[in-house]
Amino acid sequence: MRIIITKDYDELSKKAAEIIIGVVKNKPNAVLGLATGTTPLGLYGELKVDRDKNGTDYSKVRAVNLDEYAGLGADNKNSYAYFMRENLFNGLNIDLKNTYIENGAAADGAAECKRYDALLESLPRDIQLLGIGSNGHIAFNEPGTPFGATTHTVELAASTVKDNSRLFDSIDDVPRKAYTMGLKSIMRSRSILVLATGANKAEAVKNLVNGEITENVPASVLQLHPDCTLICDSAAAALL
């Protein structure tokens, strides 16, 4: 695992943007695996600035997202589909028809998971962006998720609900279930980029890098990936 420690969040975002932009320039029809939450917001801002200044072309890029809240349609302002349009896609020249995410409003959850798995098989990712939860989860794969899991519906842990509540008006508004790309699918990406910031992620980062490889810490499976880069700020790296 390659580890890059930055002095602050701004530097982390710029380093991450350099990597993503490099993938797109080297392969104009790249498949990007993308993530939501507050951690990648700086990166997404940098990608939009680069697009405006340097004209990096996303017209042939495909984008596949990790997860979506169950019960929220794509037009709900708290959905991840809405988040991605507002915070990234609308600032790039990417064709929204080439952006994919689970259907949070699907009537049949099992069928939706099967549909998304088939989509992932047809779109092997050149790079998969990840954050890491304070309990070591990646995407919405909570502790105890089998390493062989594919797309599935998950009951969100209390710590995850708390982490994500900053994006809602109230913690009571945070959905308790979500669809998520499984760990097996994540590991199939050709390369993986993990971002971690803040002292509250330090324990998770320590377990990611140096801990036992165990389903109790889902992120620990990334130790087995042949091309994984971790970028973290000094606070998140405090226990390394």
Foldseek 3Di string as FASTA:
>chain_A
DAEAAAAALLVLLVVVLVVVLVVCVVPVQAEEEDEDDDSNLSVLVVNLVCCVPPVRANQNYAYEYFKWAAPDALPPCPTVNVVCCVRHDVSHNYDVVRYYYQGNDDPDQVVSQVVVQVVLVVHAHQEHEWEAFLQQDTFQLAQPRDLPDAKHKDFHDPSVLVSRCVSDPGSVPRHRMMIGGHNVSNLRHLAYEYEYEALSQQVSVCCCPPNDQHSRNSSVCCVVRPHYYYYYYCNSPVVD
